PDB file of N, CA and C in Angstrom:
ATOM      1  N   UNK A   1     202.573 218.654 143.197  1.00  0.00           N
ATOM      2  CA  UNK A   1     202.264 217.529 142.401  1.00  0.00           C
ATOM      3  C   UNK A   1     200.971 217.282 142.849  1.00  0.00           C
ATOM      4  N   UNK A   2     200.312 217.180 143.978  1.00  0.00           N
ATOM      5  CA  UNK A   2     199.013 216.804 144.388  1.00  0.00           C
ATOM      6  C   UNK A   2     197.833 218.046 144.041  1.00  0.00           C
ATOM      7  N   UNK A   3     198.419 219.044 143.861  1.00  0.00           N
ATOM      8  CA  UNK A   3     197.796 220.220 143.264  1.00  0.00           C
ATOM      9  C   UNK A   3     197.398 219.864 141.854  1.00  0.00           C
ATOM     10  N   UNK A   4     198.512 219.602 141.110  1.00  0.00           N
ATOM     11  CA  UNK A   4     198.428 219.333 139.531  1.00  0.00           C
ATOM     12  C   UNK A   4     197.329 218.339 139.275  1.00  0.00           C
ATOM     13  N   UNK A   5     197.328 217.064 140.273  1.00  0.00           N
ATOM     14  CA  UNK A   5     196.468 215.859 139.842  1.00  0.00           C
ATOM     15  C   UNK A   5     195.073 216.551 140.157  1.00  0.00           C
ATOM     16  N   UNK A   6     194.907 217.009 141.119  1.00  0.00           N
ATOM     17  CA  UNK A   6     193.684 217.422 141.544  1.00  0.00           C
ATOM     18  C   UNK A   6     192.795 218.513 140.294  1.00  0.00           C
ATOM     19  N   UNK A   7     193.832 219.343 139.624  1.00  0.00           N
ATOM     20  CA  UNK A   7     193.446 219.994 138.746  1.00  0.00           C
ATOM     21  C   UNK A   7     193.021 219.348 137.338  1.00  0.00           C
ATOM     22  N   UNK A   8     194.187 218.188 137.224  1.00  0.00           N
ATOM     23  CA  UNK A   8     193.995 217.688 135.623  1.00  0.00           C
ATOM     24  C   UNK A   8     193.169 216.348 135.684  1.00  0.00           C
ATOM     25  N   UNK A   9     192.625 215.835 136.875  1.00  0.00           N
ATOM     26  CA  UNK A   9     192.223 214.532 136.948  1.00  0.00           C
ATOM     27  C   UNK A   9     190.849 214.184 136.124  1.00  0.00           C
ATOM     28  N   UNK A  10     189.953 215.513 136.113  1.00  0.00           N
ATOM     29  CA  UNK A  10     188.867 215.266 135.173  1.00  0.00           C
ATOM     30  C   UNK A  10     189.258 215.204 133.856  1.00  0.00           C
ATOM     31  N   UNK A  11     190.441 215.834 133.329  1.00  0.00           N
ATOM     32  CA  UNK A  11     190.761 216.009 131.976  1.00  0.00           C
ATOM     33  C   UNK A  11     191.346 214.414 131.753  1.00  0.00           C
ATOM     34  N   UNK A  12     192.209 213.848 132.770  1.00  0.00           N
ATOM     35  CA  UNK A  12     192.477 212.459 132.245  1.00  0.00           C
ATOM     36  C   UNK A  12     191.411 211.479 132.314  1.00  0.00           C
ATOM     37  N   UNK A  13     190.362 211.635 133.187  1.00  0.00           N
ATOM     38  CA  UNK A  13     189.413 210.790 133.180  1.00  0.00           C
ATOM     39  C   UNK A  13     188.530 210.568 131.616  1.00  0.00           C
ATOM     40  N   UNK A  14     188.457 212.007 131.120  1.00  0.00           N
ATOM     41  CA  UNK A  14     187.760 212.016 129.999  1.00  0.00           C
ATOM     42  C   UNK A  14     188.711 211.362 128.735  1.00  0.00           C
ATOM     43  N   UNK A  15     189.967 211.631 128.876  1.00  0.00           N
ATOM     44  CA  UNK A  15     190.838 211.138 127.844  1.00  0.00           C
ATOM     45  C   UNK A  15     190.700 209.514 127.992  1.00  0.00           C
ATOM     46  N   UNK A  16     190.860 209.011 128.997  1.00  0.00           N
ATOM     47  CA  UNK A  16     190.732 207.518 129.277  1.00  0.00           C
ATOM     48  C   UNK A  16     189.280 207.113 128.635  1.00  0.00           C
ATOM     49  N   UNK A  17     188.232 207.789 129.032  1.00  0.00           N
ATOM     50  CA  UNK A  17     186.848 207.314 128.529  1.00  0.00           C
ATOM     51  C   UNK A  17     187.082 207.686 127.067  1.00  0.00           C
ATOM     52  N   UNK A  18     187.578 208.538 126.329  1.00  0.00           N
ATOM     53  CA  UNK A  18     187.487 208.398 125.135  1.00  0.00           C
ATOM     54  C   UNK A  18     188.248 207.577 124.421  1.00  0.00           C
ATOM     55  N   UNK A  19     189.455 207.250 124.987  1.00  0.00           N
ATOM     56  CA  UNK A  19     190.335 206.125 124.513  1.00  0.00           C
ATOM     57  C   UNK A  19     189.316 204.853 124.535  1.00  0.00           C
ATOM     58  N   UNK A  20     188.770 204.618 125.679  1.00  0.00           N
ATOM     59  CA  UNK A  20     187.906 203.430 125.660  1.00  0.00           C
ATOM     60  C   UNK A  20     186.925 203.368 124.691  1.00  0.00           C
ATOM     61  N   UNK A  21     186.141 204.489 124.325  1.00  0.00           N
ATOM     62  CA  UNK A  21     185.183 204.405 123.344  1.00  0.00           C
ATOM     63  C   UNK A  21     185.754 204.222 121.991  1.00  0.00           C
ATOM     64  N   UNK A  22     186.862 204.523 121.627  1.00  0.00           N
ATOM     65  CA  UNK A  22     187.522 204.606 120.310  1.00  0.00           C
ATOM     66  C   UNK A  22     188.042 203.074 120.148  1.00  0.00           C
ATOM     67  N   UNK A  23     188.308 202.105 121.212  1.00  0.00           N
ATOM     68  CA  UNK A  23     188.741 200.859 121.039  1.00  0.00           C
ATOM     69  C   UNK A  23     187.398 200.120 120.685  1.00  0.00           C
ATOM     70  N   UNK A  24     186.351 200.524 121.411  1.00  0.00           N
ATOM     71  CA  UNK A  24     185.063 200.022 121.085  1.00  0.00           C
ATOM     72  C   UNK A  24     184.438 200.234 119.664  1.00  0.00           C
ATOM     73  N   UNK A  25     184.874 201.646 119.009  1.00  0.00           N
ATOM     74  CA  UNK A  25     184.404 202.075 117.766  1.00  0.00           C
ATOM     75  C   UNK A  25     185.403 200.993 116.794  1.00  0.00           C
ATOM     76  N   UNK A  26     186.466 200.873 117.041  1.00  0.00           N
ATOM     77  CA  UNK A  26     187.636 200.328 115.870  1.00  0.00           C
ATOM     78  C   UNK A  26     187.410 198.653 116.193  1.00  0.00           C
ATOM     79  N   UNK A  27     187.325 198.184 117.077  1.00  0.00           N
ATOM     80  CA  UNK A  27     187.710 196.956 117.395  1.00  0.00           C
ATOM     81  C   UNK A  27     186.467 196.142 117.949  1.00  0.00           C
ATOM     82  N   UNK A  28     185.357 196.636 118.537  1.00  0.00           N
ATOM     83  CA  UNK A  28     184.469 195.923 119.064  1.00  0.00           C
ATOM     84  C   UNK A  28     183.456 195.527 117.962  1.00  0.00           C
ATOM     85  N   UNK A  29     182.248 194.883 118.860  1.00  0.00           N
ATOM     86  CA  UNK A  29     181.164 194.797 118.159  1.00  0.00           C
ATOM     87  C   UNK A  29     180.207 195.900 117.306  1.00  0.00           C
ATOM     88  N   UNK A  30     179.781 195.535 116.333  1.00  0.00           N
ATOM     89  CA  UNK A  30     179.316 196.977 115.618  1.00  0.00           C
ATOM     90  C   UNK A  30     180.627 197.567 115.211  1.00  0.00           C
ATOM     91  N   UNK A  31     181.559 197.498 115.347  1.00  0.00           N
ATOM     92  CA  UNK A  31     182.818 198.581 114.714  1.00  0.00           C
ATOM     93  C   UNK A  31     182.865 198.640 113.498  1.00  0.00           C
ATOM     94  N   UNK A  32     183.603 199.546 113.095  1.00  0.00           N
ATOM     95  CA  UNK A  32     183.969 199.637 111.728  1.00  0.00           C
ATOM     96  C   UNK A  32     184.504 198.831 110.723  1.00  0.00           C
ATOM     97  N   UNK A  33     185.105 197.536 111.283  1.00  0.00           N
ATOM     98  CA  UNK A  33     185.347 196.352 110.516  1.00  0.00           C
ATOM     99  C   UNK A  33     184.118 195.828 110.289  1.00  0.00           C
ATOM    100  N   UNK A  34     183.436 195.510 111.052  1.00  0.00           N
ATOM    101  CA  UNK A  34     181.866 194.805 111.032  1.00  0.00           C
ATOM    102  C   UNK A  34     180.742 195.375 109.924  1.00  0.00           C
ATOM    103  N   UNK A  35     180.950 196.657 110.250  1.00  0.00           N
ATOM    104  CA  UNK A  35     179.999 197.824 109.193  1.00  0.00           C
ATOM    105  C   UNK A  35     180.520 197.599 107.998  1.00  0.00           C
ATOM    106  N   UNK A  36     181.780 197.494 107.568  1.00  0.00           N
ATOM    107  CA  UNK A  36     182.210 197.667 106.325  1.00  0.00           C
ATOM    108  C   UNK A  36     182.051 195.838 105.737  1.00  0.00           C
ATOM    109  N   UNK A  37     181.965 194.930 106.551  1.00  0.00           N
ATOM    110  CA  UNK A  37     181.514 193.693 106.226  1.00  0.00           C
ATOM    111  C   UNK A  37     180.057 193.684 105.710  1.00  0.00           C
ATOM    112  N   UNK A  38     179.446 194.227 106.431  1.00  0.00           N
ATOM    113  CA  UNK A  38     177.852 194.145 106.097  1.00  0.00           C
ATOM    114  C   UNK A  38     177.614 194.876 105.072  1.00  0.00           C
ATOM    115  N   UNK A  39     178.161 196.195 104.689  1.00  0.00           N
ATOM    116  CA  UNK A  39     178.120 196.849 103.259  1.00  0.00           C
ATOM    117  C   UNK A  39     178.581 195.957 102.270  1.00  0.00           C
ATOM    118  N   UNK A  40     179.606 195.184 102.244  1.00  0.00           N
ATOM    119  CA  UNK A  40     179.899 194.171 100.960  1.00  0.00           C
ATOM    120  C   UNK A  40     178.787 192.973 101.056  1.00  0.00           C
ATOM    121  N   UNK A  41     178.517 192.722 102.083  1.00  0.00           N
ATOM    122  CA  UNK A  41     177.543 191.560 101.957  1.00  0.00           C
ATOM    123  C   UNK A  41     175.846 192.460 101.180  1.00  0.00           C
ATOM    124  N   UNK A  42     175.565 193.522 101.749  1.00  0.00           N
ATOM    125  CA  UNK A  42     174.524 194.192 101.292  1.00  0.00           C
ATOM    126  C   UNK A  42     174.772 194.534  99.496  1.00  0.00           C
ATOM    127  N   UNK A  43     176.021 194.828  99.280  1.00  0.00           N
ATOM    128  CA  UNK A  43     176.274 195.103  97.870  1.00  0.00           C
ATOM    129  C   UNK A  43     176.092 193.801  96.922  1.00  0.00           C
ATOM    130  N   UNK A  44     176.674 192.645  97.593  1.00  0.00           N
ATOM    131  CA  UNK A  44     176.477 191.202  96.877  1.00  0.00           C
ATOM    132  C   UNK A  44     175.042 191.012  96.733  1.00  0.00           C
ATOM    133  N   UNK A  45     174.326 191.107  97.785  1.00  0.00           N
ATOM    134  CA  UNK A  45     173.029 190.568  97.668  1.00  0.00           C
ATOM    135  C   UNK A  45     172.327 191.697  96.917  1.00  0.00           C
ATOM    136  N   UNK A  46     172.505 192.640  96.673  1.00  0.00           N
ATOM    137  CA  UNK A  46     171.956 193.602  95.635  1.00  0.00           C
ATOM    138  C   UNK A  46     172.121 193.328  94.149  1.00  0.00           C
ATOM    139  N   UNK A  47     173.401 192.903  94.145  1.00  0.00           N
ATOM    140  CA  UNK A  47     173.615 192.195  92.466  1.00  0.00           C
ATOM    141  C   UNK A  47     172.956 191.100  92.553  1.00  0.00           C
ATOM    142  N   UNK A  48     172.788 190.307  93.662  1.00  0.00           N
ATOM    143  CA  UNK A  48     172.130 188.878  93.116  1.00  0.00           C
ATOM    144  C   UNK A  48     170.763 189.377  92.763  1.00  0.00           C
ATOM    145  N   UNK A  49     170.256 190.346  93.630  1.00  0.00           N
ATOM    146  CA  UNK A  49     168.699 190.567  93.379  1.00  0.00           C
ATOM    147  C   UNK A  49     168.442 191.132  92.090  1.00  0.00           C
ATOM    148  N   UNK A  50     169.401 191.984  91.575  1.00  0.00           N
ATOM    149  CA  UNK A  50     169.306 192.540  90.238  1.00  0.00           C
ATOM    150  C   UNK A  50     169.315 191.265  89.023  1.00  0.00           C
ATOM    151  N   UNK A  51     170.346 190.617  89.395  1.00  0.00           N
ATOM    152  CA  UNK A  51     170.135 189.477  88.362  1.00  0.00           C
ATOM    153  C   UNK A  51     168.986 188.740  88.469  1.00  0.00           C
ATOM    154  N   UNK A  52     168.583 188.198  89.570  1.00  0.00           N
ATOM    155  CA  UNK A  52     167.267 187.546  89.400  1.00  0.00           C
ATOM    156  C   UNK A  52     166.089 188.292  89.174  1.00  0.00           C
ATOM    157  N   UNK A  53     166.057 189.341  89.456  1.00  0.00           N
ATOM    158  CA  UNK A  53     164.852 190.370  88.886  1.00  0.00           C
ATOM    159  C   UNK A  53     164.866 190.333  87.386  1.00  0.00           C
ATOM    160  N   UNK A  54     166.010 190.426  86.781  1.00  0.00           N
ATOM    161  CA  UNK A  54     166.201 190.210  85.159  1.00  0.00           C
ATOM    162  C   UNK A  54     165.781 188.990  84.978  1.00  0.00           C
ATOM    163  N   UNK A  55     166.002 188.004  85.429  1.00  0.00           N
ATOM    164  CA  UNK A  55     165.425 186.666  85.132  1.00  0.00           C
ATOM    165  C   UNK A  55     164.090 186.682  85.258  1.00  0.00           C
ATOM    166  N   UNK A  56     163.427 186.748  86.356  1.00  0.00           N
ATOM    167  CA  UNK A  56     162.168 187.015  86.581  1.00  0.00           C
ATOM    168  C   UNK A  56     161.424 187.823  85.495  1.00  0.00           C
ATOM    169  N   UNK A  57     162.058 189.131  85.140  1.00  0.00           N
ATOM    170  CA  UNK A  57     161.342 189.765  83.995  1.00  0.00           C
ATOM    171  C   UNK A  57     161.397 189.054  82.785  1.00  0.00           C
ATOM    172  N   UNK A  58     162.351 188.304  82.434  1.00  0.00           N
ATOM    173  CA  UNK A  58     162.267 187.853  81.318  1.00  0.00           C
ATOM    174  C   UNK A  58     161.219 186.419  81.310  1.00  0.00           C
ATOM    175  N   UNK A  59     161.046 185.960  82.422  1.00  0.00           N
ATOM    176  CA  UNK A  59     159.945 184.833  82.510  1.00  0.00           C
ATOM    177  C   UNK A  59     158.732 185.294  82.397  1.00  0.00           C
ATOM    178  N   UNK A  60     158.609 186.627  82.996  1.00  0.00           N
ATOM    179  CA  UNK A  60     156.969 187.014  83.170  1.00  0.00           C
ATOM    180  C   UNK A  60     156.845 187.520  81.701  1.00  0.00           C
ATOM    181  N   UNK A  61     157.872 188.044  80.967  1.00  0.00           N
ATOM    182  CA  UNK A  61     157.737 188.407  79.444  1.00  0.00           C
ATOM    183  C   UNK A  61     157.216 187.083  78.705  1.00  0.00           C
ATOM    184  N   UNK A  62     157.630 186.074  78.875  1.00  0.00           N
ATOM    185  CA  UNK A  62     157.380 184.618  78.234  1.00  0.00           C
ATOM    186  C   UNK A  62     156.040 184.311  78.618  1.00  0.00           C
ATOM    187  N   UNK A  63     155.679 184.279  80.075  1.00  0.00           N
ATOM    188  CA  UNK A  63     154.293 183.738  80.308  1.00  0.00           C
ATOM    189  C   UNK A  63     153.451 184.937  79.719  1.00  0.00           C
ATOM    190  N   UNK A  64     153.692 186.106  79.897  1.00  0.00           N
ATOM    191  CA  UNK A  64     152.582 186.968  79.220  1.00  0.00           C
ATOM    192  C   UNK A  64     152.253 186.718  77.541  1.00  0.00           C
ATOM    193  N   UNK A  65     153.448 186.449  77.255  1.00  0.00           N
ATOM    194  CA  UNK A  65     153.617 186.180  75.552  1.00  0.00           C
ATOM    195  C   UNK A  65     152.748 184.936  75.364  1.00  0.00           C
ATOM    196  N   UNK A  66     152.846 183.790  76.113  1.00  0.00           N
ATOM    197  CA  UNK A  66     152.183 182.648  76.360  1.00  0.00           C
ATOM    198  C   UNK A  66     150.591 182.878  76.319  1.00  0.00           C
ATOM    199  N   UNK A  67     150.362 183.602  77.249  1.00  0.00           N
ATOM    200  CA  UNK A  67     149.120 184.026  77.694  1.00  0.00           C
ATOM    201  C   UNK A  67     148.355 184.694  76.584  1.00  0.00           C
ATOM    202  N   UNK A  68     148.783 185.740  75.894  1.00  0.00           N
ATOM    203  CA  UNK A  68     148.300 186.388  74.941  1.00  0.00           C
ATOM    204  C   UNK A  68     148.039 186.277  73.544  1.00  0.00           C
ATOM    205  N   UNK A  69     148.984 185.295  73.162  1.00  0.00           N
ATOM    206  CA  UNK A  69     148.870 185.052  71.646  1.00  0.00           C
ATOM    207  C   UNK A  69     149.354 183.697  71.310  1.00  0.00           C
ATOM    208  N   UNK A  70     148.695 183.434  70.206  1.00  0.00           N
ATOM    209  CA  UNK A  70     148.576 181.887  69.908  1.00  0.00           C
ATOM    210  C   UNK A  70     150.082 181.776  69.253  1.00  0.00           C
ATOM    211  N   UNK A  71     150.352 182.647  68.564  1.00  0.00           N
ATOM    212  CA  UNK A  71     151.643 182.316  67.916  1.00  0.00           C
ATOM    213  C   UNK A  71     152.852 181.794  68.829  1.00  0.00           C
ATOM    214  N   UNK A  72     152.827 182.106  69.821  1.00  0.00           N
ATOM    215  CA  UNK A  72     154.013 181.762  70.773  1.00  0.00           C
ATOM    216  C   UNK A  72     153.684 180.473  71.141  1.00  0.00           C
ATOM    217  N   UNK A  73     152.515 179.956  71.392  1.00  0.00           N
ATOM    218  CA  UNK A  73     152.358 178.520  71.982  1.00  0.00           C
ATOM    219  C   UNK A  73     152.297 177.787  70.597  1.00  0.00           C
ATOM    220  N   UNK A  74     151.940 178.404  69.394  1.00  0.00           N
ATOM    221  CA  UNK A  74     152.261 177.127  68.237  1.00  0.00           C
ATOM    222  C   UNK A  74     153.595 177.068  68.149  1.00  0.00           C
ATOM    223  N   UNK A  75     154.237 178.140  68.119  1.00  0.00           N
ATOM    224  CA  UNK A  75     155.612 177.950  67.868  1.00  0.00           C
ATOM    225  C   UNK A  75     156.412 177.091  68.888  1.00  0.00           C
ATOM    226  N   UNK A  76     155.804 177.268  70.131  1.00  0.00           N
ATOM    227  CA  UNK A  76     156.656 176.203  71.061  1.00  0.00           C
ATOM    228  C   UNK A  76     156.168 174.668  70.861  1.00  0.00           C
ATOM    229  N   UNK A  77     155.059 174.709  70.298  1.00  0.00           N
ATOM    230  CA  UNK A  77     154.366 173.346  70.080  1.00  0.00           C
ATOM    231  C   UNK A  77     155.313 172.521  69.032  1.00  0.00           C
ATOM    232  N   UNK A  78     155.271 173.520  67.889  1.00  0.00           N
ATOM    233  CA  UNK A  78     156.028 173.103  66.741  1.00  0.00           C
ATOM    234  C   UNK A  78     157.358 172.745  66.872  1.00  0.00           C
ATOM    235  N   UNK A  79     158.303 173.430  67.558  1.00  0.00           N
ATOM    236  CA  UNK A  79     159.549 173.370  67.874  1.00  0.00           C
ATOM    237  C   UNK A  79     159.824 172.468  68.899  1.00  0.00           C
ATOM    238  N   UNK A  80     159.175 172.139  70.106  1.00  0.00           N
ATOM    239  CA  UNK A  80     159.940 171.418  71.226  1.00  0.00           C
ATOM    240  C   UNK A  80     158.959 170.219  70.807  1.00  0.00           C
ATOM    241  N   UNK A  81     157.640 169.963  70.537  1.00  0.00           N
ATOM    242  CA  UNK A  81     156.843 168.898  70.742  1.00  0.00           C
ATOM    243  C   UNK A  81     156.926 168.200  69.191  1.00  0.00           C
ATOM    244  N   UNK A  82     157.306 168.854  68.280  1.00  0.00           N
ATOM    245  CA  UNK A  82     157.039 168.649  66.851  1.00  0.00           C
ATOM    246  C   UNK A  82     155.626 168.243  66.341  1.00  0.00           C
ATOM    247  N   UNK A  83     154.969 169.043  66.738  1.00  0.00           N
ATOM    248  CA  UNK A  83     153.232 168.800  66.319  1.00  0.00           C
ATOM    249  C   UNK A  83     153.028 169.820  65.013  1.00  0.00           C
ATOM    250  N   UNK A  84     152.130 169.431  64.284  1.00  0.00           N
ATOM    251  CA  UNK A  84     151.558 170.059  62.904  1.00  0.00           C
ATOM    252  C   UNK A  84     150.171 170.238  62.905  1.00  0.00           C
ATOM    253  N   UNK A  85     149.771 171.213  62.371  1.00  0.00           N
ATOM    254  CA  UNK A  85     148.316 171.706  62.249  1.00  0.00           C
ATOM    255  C   UNK A  85     147.373 170.335  61.363  1.00  0.00           C
ATOM    256  N   UNK A  86     146.235 170.395  61.771  1.00  0.00           N
ATOM    257  CA  UNK A  86     145.306 169.364  61.066  1.00  0.00           C
ATOM    258  C   UNK A  86     145.529 170.117  59.237  1.00  0.00           C
ATOM    259  N   UNK A  87     145.784 168.776  58.661  1.00  0.00           N
ATOM    260  CA  UNK A  87     145.667 169.427  57.068  1.00  0.00           C
ATOM    261  C   UNK A  87     147.059 169.743  56.292  1.00  0.00           C
ATOM    262  N   UNK A  88     148.174 170.292  57.691  1.00  0.00           N
ATOM    263  CA  UNK A  88     149.400 170.093  57.053  1.00  0.00           C
ATOM    264  C   UNK A  88     150.229 168.981  56.808  1.00  0.00           C
ATOM    265  N   UNK A  89     151.296 169.341  55.976  1.00  0.00           N
ATOM    266  CA  UNK A  89     151.995 167.982  55.825  1.00  0.00           C
ATOM    267  C   UNK A  89     153.326 168.252  56.272  1.00  0.00           C
ATOM    268  N   UNK A  90     153.590 167.228  57.013  1.00  0.00           N
ATOM    269  CA  UNK A  90     155.084 167.372  57.409  1.00  0.00           C
ATOM    270  C   UNK A  90     156.183 166.603  56.494  1.00  0.00           C
ATOM    271  N   UNK A  91     156.917 167.539  56.200  1.00  0.00           N
ATOM    272  CA  UNK A  91     158.271 166.974  55.390  1.00  0.00           C
ATOM    273  C   UNK A  91     159.705 167.046  56.116  1.00  0.00           C
ATOM    274  N   UNK A  92     160.478 166.171  56.252  1.00  0.00           N
ATOM    275  CA  UNK A  92     161.889 165.942  56.602  1.00  0.00           C
ATOM    276  C   UNK A  92     162.503 165.880  55.692  1.00  0.00           C
ATOM    277  N   UNK A  93     163.728 166.812  55.612  1.00  0.00           N
ATOM    278  CA  UNK A  93     164.762 166.791  54.834  1.00  0.00           C
ATOM    279  C   UNK A  93     165.832 166.411  55.147  1.00  0.00           C
ATOM    280  N   UNK A  94     166.313 165.194  54.545  1.00  0.00           N
ATOM    281  CA  UNK A  94     167.738 164.605  54.828  1.00  0.00           C
ATOM    282  C   UNK A  94     168.587 164.966  53.950  1.00  0.00           C
ATOM    283  N   UNK A  95     169.600 165.204  54.499  1.00  0.00           N
ATOM    284  CA  UNK A  95     171.081 165.444  54.068  1.00  0.00           C
ATOM    285  C   UNK A  95     171.627 164.462  53.298  1.00  0.00           C
ATOM    286  N   UNK A  96     172.245 164.580  52.061  1.00  0.00           N
ATOM    287  CA  UNK A  96     172.598 163.316  51.459  1.00  0.00           C
ATOM    288  C   UNK A  96     174.031 162.926  52.224  1.00  0.00           C
ATOM    289  N   UNK A  97     174.370 161.282  51.979  1.00  0.00           N
ATOM    290  CA  UNK A  97     175.368 160.587  52.781  1.00  0.00           C
ATOM    291  C   UNK A  97     176.769 161.695  52.553  1.00  0.00           C
ATOM    292  N   UNK A  98     177.665 161.832  53.300  1.00  0.00           N
ATOM    293  CA  UNK A  98     178.860 162.513  53.127  1.00  0.00           C
ATOM    294  C   UNK A  98     179.731 161.919  52.089  1.00  0.00           C
ATOM    295  N   UNK A  99     179.889 160.717  52.024  1.00  0.00           N
ATOM    296  CA  UNK A  99     180.778 159.834  51.175  1.00  0.00           C
ATOM    297  C   UNK A  99     180.236 159.834  49.605  1.00  0.00           C
ATOM    298  N   UNK A 100     178.983 160.506  49.307  1.00  0.00           N
ATOM    299  CA  UNK A 100     178.575 160.225  48.149  1.00  0.00           C
ATOM    300  C   UNK A 100     177.748 159.050  47.570  1.00  0.00           C
ATOM    301  N   UNK A 101     178.216 157.886  48.447  1.00  0.00           N
ATOM    302  CA  UNK A 101     177.522 156.685  48.234  1.00  0.00           C
ATOM    303  C   UNK A 101     176.262 156.511  48.627  1.00  0.00           C
ATOM    304  N   UNK A 102     175.444 155.577  48.043  1.00  0.00           N
ATOM    305  CA  UNK A 102     173.770 155.648  48.797  1.00  0.00           C
ATOM    306  C   UNK A 102     174.117 154.924  50.161  1.00  0.00           C
ATOM    307  N   UNK A 103     173.309 155.519  50.986  1.00  0.00           N
ATOM    308  CA  UNK A 103     173.401 154.566  52.545  1.00  0.00           C
ATOM    309  C   UNK A 103     172.319 153.147  52.121  1.00  0.00           C
ATOM    310  N   UNK A 104     172.907 152.498  53.154  1.00  0.00           N
ATOM    311  CA  UNK A 104     172.347 151.145  53.038  1.00  0.00           C
ATOM    312  C   UNK A 104     170.977 151.497  53.685  1.00  0.00           C
ATOM    313  N   UNK A 105     169.810 150.880  53.036  1.00  0.00           N
ATOM    314  CA  UNK A 105     168.532 151.046  53.542  1.00  0.00           C
ATOM    315  C   UNK A 105     168.437 150.494  54.862  1.00  0.00           C
ATOM    316  N   UNK A 106     168.861 149.448  55.283  1.00  0.00           N
ATOM    317  CA  UNK A 106     168.641 148.846  56.616  1.00  0.00           C
ATOM    318  C   UNK A 106     169.527 149.547  57.729  1.00  0.00           C
ATOM    319  N   UNK A 107     170.525 150.262  57.287  1.00  0.00           N
ATOM    320  CA  UNK A 107     171.039 151.170  58.256  1.00  0.00           C
ATOM    321  C   UNK A 107     170.408 152.571  58.577  1.00  0.00           C
ATOM    322  N   UNK A 108     169.757 153.046  57.599  1.00  0.00           N
ATOM    323  CA  UNK A 108     168.894 154.357  57.668  1.00  0.00           C
ATOM    324  C   UNK A 108     167.406 153.933  58.541  1.00  0.00           C
ATOM    325  N   UNK A 109     167.033 152.555  58.660  1.00  0.00           N
ATOM    326  CA  UNK A 109     166.249 152.286  59.496  1.00  0.00           C
ATOM    327  C   UNK A 109     166.373 151.865  60.764  1.00  0.00           C
ATOM    328  N   UNK A 110     167.705 151.959  61.135  1.00  0.00           N
ATOM    329  CA  UNK A 110     168.257 151.586  62.494  1.00  0.00           C
ATOM    330  C   UNK A 110     168.533 153.000  63.108  1.00  0.00           C
ATOM    331  N   UNK A 111     169.054 154.065  62.412  1.00  0.00           N
ATOM    332  CA  UNK A 111     169.040 155.347  62.498  1.00  0.00           C
ATOM    333  C   UNK A 111     167.689 155.896  62.942  1.00  0.00           C
ATOM    334  N   UNK A 112     166.669 155.712  62.068  1.00  0.00           N
ATOM    335  CA  UNK A 112     165.224 156.179  62.535  1.00  0.00           C
ATOM    336  C   UNK A 112     164.727 155.640  63.888  1.00  0.00           C
ATOM    337  N   UNK A 113     164.994 154.336  63.715  1.00  0.00           N
ATOM    338  CA  UNK A 113     164.484 153.465  64.976  1.00  0.00           C
ATOM    339  C   UNK A 113     165.077 154.203  66.306  1.00  0.00           C
ATOM    340  N   UNK A 114     166.566 154.330  66.294  1.00  0.00           N
ATOM    341  CA  UNK A 114     167.237 154.953  67.218  1.00  0.00           C
ATOM    342  C   UNK A 114     166.709 156.497  67.464  1.00  0.00           C
ATOM    343  N   UNK A 115     166.523 156.959  66.792  1.00  0.00           N
ATOM    344  CA  UNK A 115     165.771 158.649  67.013  1.00  0.00           C
ATOM    345  C   UNK A 115     164.398 158.633  67.396  1.00  0.00           C
ATOM    346  N   UNK A 116     163.671 157.597  67.111  1.00  0.00           N
ATOM    347  CA  UNK A 116     162.437 157.422  67.626  1.00  0.00           C
ATOM    348  C   UNK A 116     162.446 156.973  68.839  1.00  0.00           C
ATOM    349  N   UNK A 117     163.425 156.052  69.399  1.00  0.00           N
ATOM    350  CA  UNK A 117     163.457 155.640  70.611  1.00  0.00           C
ATOM    351  C   UNK A 117     163.636 156.659  71.781  1.00  0.00           C
ATOM    352  N   UNK A 118     164.673 157.769  71.120  1.00  0.00           N
ATOM    353  CA  UNK A 118     164.951 158.808  72.096  1.00  0.00           C
ATOM    354  C   UNK A 118     163.979 159.764  72.203  1.00  0.00           C
TER     355      UNK A 118
END
C-alpha cells in the first residue's frame, strides 16, 4: 500500500490542484457567472449607446439644418412663435360653431382673452 501511495501521490496532488482551479473557475471571483453578467451588462450598454447615438445624429442634423438654411429657421419661427414677415397679412380661420347657432360675441372675446393669456 505504501508503495502505491509513493507512486500515485503526484497524480493525486495534481488532481486536487485541478479540482481547486475548477472551483475557482466556476464559483470564484472573475468566474463564468461573473463573466456572463458582465457580457450582459456590456450588451445592454451597447444598445443604450446605439439609441443615444441615433438621437444625437437627429439633433446634429437639425442643428446643421438650422445653421445652413433660412427656411428651417423661418418655419420654426412661424410655427412655434407665430411670427410673420413684414408686409405679410396674418389670417386666422375660425371654424363655425358646431350647433349652427351664432356664437355670442361676448363669449368669443372671453375665449380670445383666455387664448392670449396662455
